[in-house]
Each structure stands twice: as structure tokens, then as C-alpha cells.
Amino acid sequence: IVELGRVDIITEVSKLASHMALPREGHLDAAFHLFAYLKKHHAARMVFDPTYPTIGESTFHKGEWKHFYGDVKEAIPPNAP
């Protein structure tokens, strides 16, 4: 989750970070591409719309799963909060 920083590069940085233990030449090329993107878009801004969308409940389809699962009950542990 990105709280502060560049939301537009979080996936790429995460993928590159997963290869830190055994980096290859292709990973270096990917890092160079990321740096080239940052150099080109150094002052980029992301604009978020603060308004709430109006979505009615009729938009969501209520699925009936009884034909798939049958009459099963969810196992809830006794120490569940």
C-alpha cells in the first residue's frame, strides 16, 4: 500500500525489490527504464476526484451459490473475535 510517495511507480519498484537477492542484467535494464521515466515525469501530479460516486444497489448482482456449495456451513473457530 502506498501512503506517501509516487503511486505511479509502486508496482515497478515492488517487482524490482523482489529481485534484490539475485539480480540479473535484465533487472538493471528495468531499473534504468524506471529512472528514465522518473527523469521525464519528475514533476508529474496525480489528481483525485474528491466527490463520491452515486452507485445504486441495483448495480450489484446478488449471486446465488447454493447450487454450487450446497448446504454447507462456515466453520467459525470458538475463539474468533
Protein backbone atom coordinates (compact mmCIF):
# COMPACT_ATOMS: atom_id res chain seq x y z
CA ILE A 1 0.00 0.00 0.00
CA VAL A 2 1.28 3.43 -0.89
CA GLU A 3 0.63 6.06 1.74
CA LEU A 4 3.10 8.72 0.66
CA GLY A 5 5.24 8.92 -2.40
CA ARG A 6 4.90 8.00 -6.03
CA VAL A 7 1.75 5.96 -6.56
CA ASP A 8 2.52 5.65 -10.27
CA ILE A 9 5.68 3.56 -9.75
CA ILE A 10 4.76 1.37 -6.76
CA THR A 11 4.27 -1.81 -8.82
CA GLU A 12 7.55 -1.45 -10.67
CA VAL A 13 9.51 -0.69 -7.50
CA SER A 14 7.92 -3.67 -5.75
CA LYS A 15 8.80 -6.01 -8.62
CA LEU A 16 12.39 -4.78 -8.69
CA ALA A 17 12.70 -5.11 -4.92
CA SER A 18 11.68 -8.77 -5.12
CA HIS A 19 14.81 -9.48 -7.21
CA MET A 20 17.33 -7.85 -4.85
CA ALA A 21 18.67 -11.20 -3.63
CA LEU A 22 19.70 -12.41 -7.08
CA PRO A 23 19.67 -9.53 -9.58
CA ARG A 24 20.30 -10.14 -13.27
CA GLU A 25 21.21 -7.83 -16.15
CA GLY A 26 17.55 -7.54 -17.19
CA HIS A 27 16.71 -6.17 -13.77
CA LEU A 28 19.31 -3.44 -14.22
CA ASP A 29 17.74 -2.54 -17.56
CA ALA A 30 14.33 -2.35 -15.85
CA ALA A 31 15.80 -0.04 -13.19
CA PHE A 32 17.24 2.18 -15.93
CA HIS A 33 13.79 2.35 -17.57
CA LEU A 34 12.29 3.34 -14.23
CA PHE A 35 14.88 6.07 -13.74
CA ALA A 36 14.25 7.32 -17.30
CA TYR A 37 10.53 7.52 -16.51
CA LEU A 38 11.24 9.46 -13.32
CA LYS A 39 13.56 11.83 -15.17
CA LYS A 40 10.88 12.55 -17.77
CA HIS A 41 7.98 12.80 -15.28
CA HIS A 42 9.77 14.39 -12.33
CA ALA A 43 7.07 16.98 -11.75
CA ALA A 44 4.06 14.80 -12.52
CA ARG A 45 0.95 15.15 -10.42
CA MET A 46 -1.88 12.80 -9.76
CA VAL A 47 -5.28 14.40 -9.38
CA PHE A 48 -8.02 12.60 -7.47
CA ASP A 49 -11.70 13.47 -7.71
CA PRO A 50 -12.95 14.11 -4.14
CA THR A 51 -16.63 13.59 -4.99
CA TYR A 52 -18.41 10.38 -4.09
CA PRO A 53 -19.93 8.37 -6.92
CA THR A 54 -23.64 7.63 -6.77
CA ILE A 55 -24.00 3.89 -7.24
CA GLY A 56 -27.29 2.22 -6.51
CA GLU A 57 -27.65 -1.28 -5.09
CA SER A 58 -29.28 -2.39 -8.34
CA THR A 59 -25.83 -2.16 -9.96
CA PHE A 60 -24.58 -5.14 -7.93
CA HIS A 61 -25.70 -8.64 -8.83
CA LYS A 62 -26.67 -10.83 -5.89
CA GLY A 63 -25.23 -14.25 -6.68
CA GLU A 64 -26.90 -17.46 -5.58
CA TRP A 65 -24.22 -20.01 -4.72
CA LYS A 66 -26.41 -22.69 -3.13
CA HIS A 67 -26.36 -24.79 -6.32
CA PHE A 68 -22.53 -24.77 -6.20
CA TYR A 69 -21.85 -25.18 -2.46
CA GLY A 70 -24.97 -26.97 -1.32
CA ASP A 71 -25.98 -26.78 2.36
CA VAL A 72 -22.54 -26.14 3.87
CA LYS A 73 -21.95 -24.03 6.96
CA GLU A 74 -18.88 -21.88 7.54
CA ALA A 75 -16.60 -23.26 10.23
CA ILE A 76 -16.08 -20.47 12.75
CA PRO A 77 -13.47 -21.13 15.47
CA PRO A 78 -14.76 -20.74 19.03
CA ASN A 79 -12.07 -18.15 19.85
CA ALA A 80 -12.92 -15.89 16.89
CA PRO A 81 -13.45 -12.24 17.83
